[in-house]
Amino acid sequence: GIRTVINNRPDGEGGPDQPTSDAIAAAARAAGMDYHYIPVISGQVTQAQVDAMASTVASAKTPVLAFCRSGARSTNLWAMGLQT
């Protein structure tokens, strides 16, 4: 199963019904998974976020699940990280 979770969805995105990073971290850790929070606002990706994603993926226990609201930011961060 999944061994590492990377959350790219900023807290508060999608409204108050969405779980916070802290809640997701607690659930992931309770299930024995590593958890990383690299929030990205849509359309505002920074090089620091790309570098953080690349570093996290490179050192992560696999398999890795990275997510955001639609999956696009996570995919773009991963792809941009491959270029560095």
C-alpha atoms as a PDB file:
ATOM      1  CA  GLY A   1       0.000   0.000   0.000  1.00  0.00           C
ATOM      2  CA  ILE A   2       0.820   3.678   0.042  1.00  0.00           C
ATOM      3  CA  ARG A   3       3.812   4.494   2.243  1.00  0.00           C
ATOM      4  CA  THR A   4       4.135   8.259   1.692  1.00  0.00           C
ATOM      5  CA  VAL A   5       1.462  10.953   1.283  1.00  0.00           C
ATOM      6  CA  ILE A   6       2.279  14.392  -0.145  1.00  0.00           C
ATOM      7  CA  ASN A   7      -0.436  17.019   0.265  1.00  0.00           C
ATOM      8  CA  ASN A   8      -0.261  19.922  -2.212  1.00  0.00           C
ATOM      9  CA  ARG A   9      -3.711  21.321  -1.324  1.00  0.00           C
ATOM     10  CA  PRO A  10      -3.543  24.450   0.864  1.00  0.00           C
ATOM     11  CA  ASP A  11      -5.609  24.397   4.040  1.00  0.00           C
ATOM     12  CA  GLY A  12      -8.937  26.132   3.478  1.00  0.00           C
ATOM     13  CA  GLU A  13      -9.129  25.326  -0.225  1.00  0.00           C
ATOM     14  CA  GLY A  14     -12.536  23.876  -0.958  1.00  0.00           C
ATOM     15  CA  GLY A  15     -14.122  25.342   2.163  1.00  0.00           C
ATOM     16  CA  PRO A  16     -14.488  24.313   5.776  1.00  0.00           C
ATOM     17  CA  ASP A  17     -15.706  20.797   4.969  1.00  0.00           C
ATOM     18  CA  GLN A  18     -12.248  19.770   3.721  1.00  0.00           C
ATOM     19  CA  PRO A  19      -9.848  18.230   6.256  1.00  0.00           C
ATOM     20  CA  THR A  20      -6.843  20.293   7.340  1.00  0.00           C
ATOM     21  CA  SER A  21      -3.262  19.249   6.804  1.00  0.00           C
ATOM     22  CA  ASP A  22      -2.977  18.459  10.512  1.00  0.00           C
ATOM     23  CA  ALA A  23      -5.973  16.102  10.338  1.00  0.00           C
ATOM     24  CA  ILE A  24      -4.640  14.370   7.225  1.00  0.00           C
ATOM     25  CA  ALA A  25      -1.180  14.075   8.803  1.00  0.00           C
ATOM     26  CA  ALA A  26      -2.637  12.440  11.900  1.00  0.00           C
ATOM     27  CA  ALA A  27      -4.639   9.946   9.834  1.00  0.00           C
ATOM     28  CA  ALA A  28      -1.672   9.133   7.590  1.00  0.00           C
ATOM     29  CA  ARG A  29       0.674   8.608  10.517  1.00  0.00           C
ATOM     30  CA  ALA A  30      -1.919   6.501  12.348  1.00  0.00           C
ATOM     31  CA  ALA A  31      -1.980   4.275   9.261  1.00  0.00           C
ATOM     32  CA  GLY A  32       1.822   4.013   9.265  1.00  0.00           C
ATOM     33  CA  MET A  33       2.435   6.390   6.362  1.00  0.00           C
ATOM     34  CA  ASP A  34       4.883   9.277   6.114  1.00  0.00           C
ATOM     35  CA  TYR A  35       3.241  12.642   5.466  1.00  0.00           C
ATOM     36  CA  HIS A  36       4.526  15.822   3.804  1.00  0.00           C
ATOM     37  CA  TYR A  37       2.739  19.143   3.324  1.00  0.00           C
ATOM     38  CA  ILE A  38       3.841  21.222   0.325  1.00  0.00           C
ATOM     39  CA  PRO A  39       0.859  23.520  -0.293  1.00  0.00           C
ATOM     40  CA  VAL A  40       0.585  25.205  -3.692  1.00  0.00           C
ATOM     41  CA  ILE A  41      -1.929  27.875  -4.655  1.00  0.00           C
ATOM     42  CA  SER A  42      -3.246  27.241  -8.162  1.00  0.00           C
ATOM     43  CA  GLY A  43      -1.242  29.186 -10.737  1.00  0.00           C
ATOM     44  CA  GLN A  44       1.393  30.261  -8.203  1.00  0.00           C
ATOM     45  CA  VAL A  45       4.000  27.486  -8.243  1.00  0.00           C
ATOM     46  CA  THR A  46       7.414  28.589  -6.957  1.00  0.00           C
ATOM     47  CA  GLN A  47      10.835  27.072  -7.547  1.00  0.00           C
ATOM     48  CA  ALA A  48      11.064  26.399  -3.807  1.00  0.00           C
ATOM     49  CA  GLN A  49       7.910  24.260  -4.024  1.00  0.00           C
ATOM     50  CA  VAL A  50       9.257  22.402  -7.073  1.00  0.00           C
ATOM     51  CA  ASP A  51      12.526  21.748  -5.240  1.00  0.00           C
ATOM     52  CA  ALA A  52      10.687  20.596  -2.106  1.00  0.00           C
ATOM     53  CA  MET A  53       8.536  18.212  -4.138  1.00  0.00           C
ATOM     54  CA  ALA A  54      11.529  16.800  -6.028  1.00  0.00           C
ATOM     55  CA  SER A  55      13.495  16.289  -2.821  1.00  0.00           C
ATOM     56  CA  THR A  56      10.553  14.726  -1.014  1.00  0.00           C
ATOM     57  CA  VAL A  57       9.745  12.329  -3.856  1.00  0.00           C
ATOM     58  CA  ALA A  58      13.417  11.366  -4.248  1.00  0.00           C
ATOM     59  CA  SER A  59      13.748  10.392  -0.590  1.00  0.00           C
ATOM     60  CA  ALA A  60      10.222   9.048  -0.017  1.00  0.00           C
ATOM     61  CA  LYS A  61       9.280   5.505   0.832  1.00  0.00           C
ATOM     62  CA  THR A  62       7.365   4.179  -2.158  1.00  0.00           C
ATOM     63  CA  PRO A  63       4.681   3.992  -3.320  1.00  0.00           C
ATOM     64  CA  VAL A  64       3.880   7.699  -3.010  1.00  0.00           C
ATOM     65  CA  LEU A  65       0.475   9.374  -3.226  1.00  0.00           C
ATOM     66  CA  ALA A  66       0.591  13.104  -4.005  1.00  0.00           C
ATOM     67  CA  PHE A  67      -2.665  15.032  -4.179  1.00  0.00           C
ATOM     68  CA  CYS A  68      -4.284  18.434  -4.508  1.00  0.00           C
ATOM     69  CA  ARG A  69      -7.852  19.369  -5.334  1.00  0.00           C
ATOM     70  CA  SER A  70      -7.802  18.072  -8.930  1.00  0.00           C
ATOM     71  CA  GLY A  71      -4.390  16.421  -9.171  1.00  0.00           C
ATOM     72  CA  ALA A  72      -3.058  18.967 -11.677  1.00  0.00           C
ATOM     73  CA  ARG A  73      -0.751  20.835  -9.279  1.00  0.00           C
ATOM     74  CA  SER A  74       0.667  17.603  -7.898  1.00  0.00           C
ATOM     75  CA  THR A  75       1.308  16.303 -11.409  1.00  0.00           C
ATOM     76  CA  ASN A  76       2.880  19.590 -12.518  1.00  0.00           C
ATOM     77  CA  LEU A  77       5.111  19.797  -9.431  1.00  0.00           C
ATOM     78  CA  TRP A  78       6.294  16.236  -9.988  1.00  0.00           C
ATOM     79  CA  ALA A  79       6.950  16.842 -13.707  1.00  0.00           C
ATOM     80  CA  MET A  80       8.749  20.133 -13.046  1.00  0.00           C
ATOM     81  CA  GLY A  81      10.853  18.399 -10.407  1.00  0.00           C
ATOM     82  CA  LEU A  82      12.024  15.865 -12.972  1.00  0.00           C
ATOM     83  CA  GLN A  83      13.535  18.766 -14.928  1.00  0.00           C
ATOM     84  CA  THR A  84      15.715  19.941 -12.022  1.00  0.00           C
END
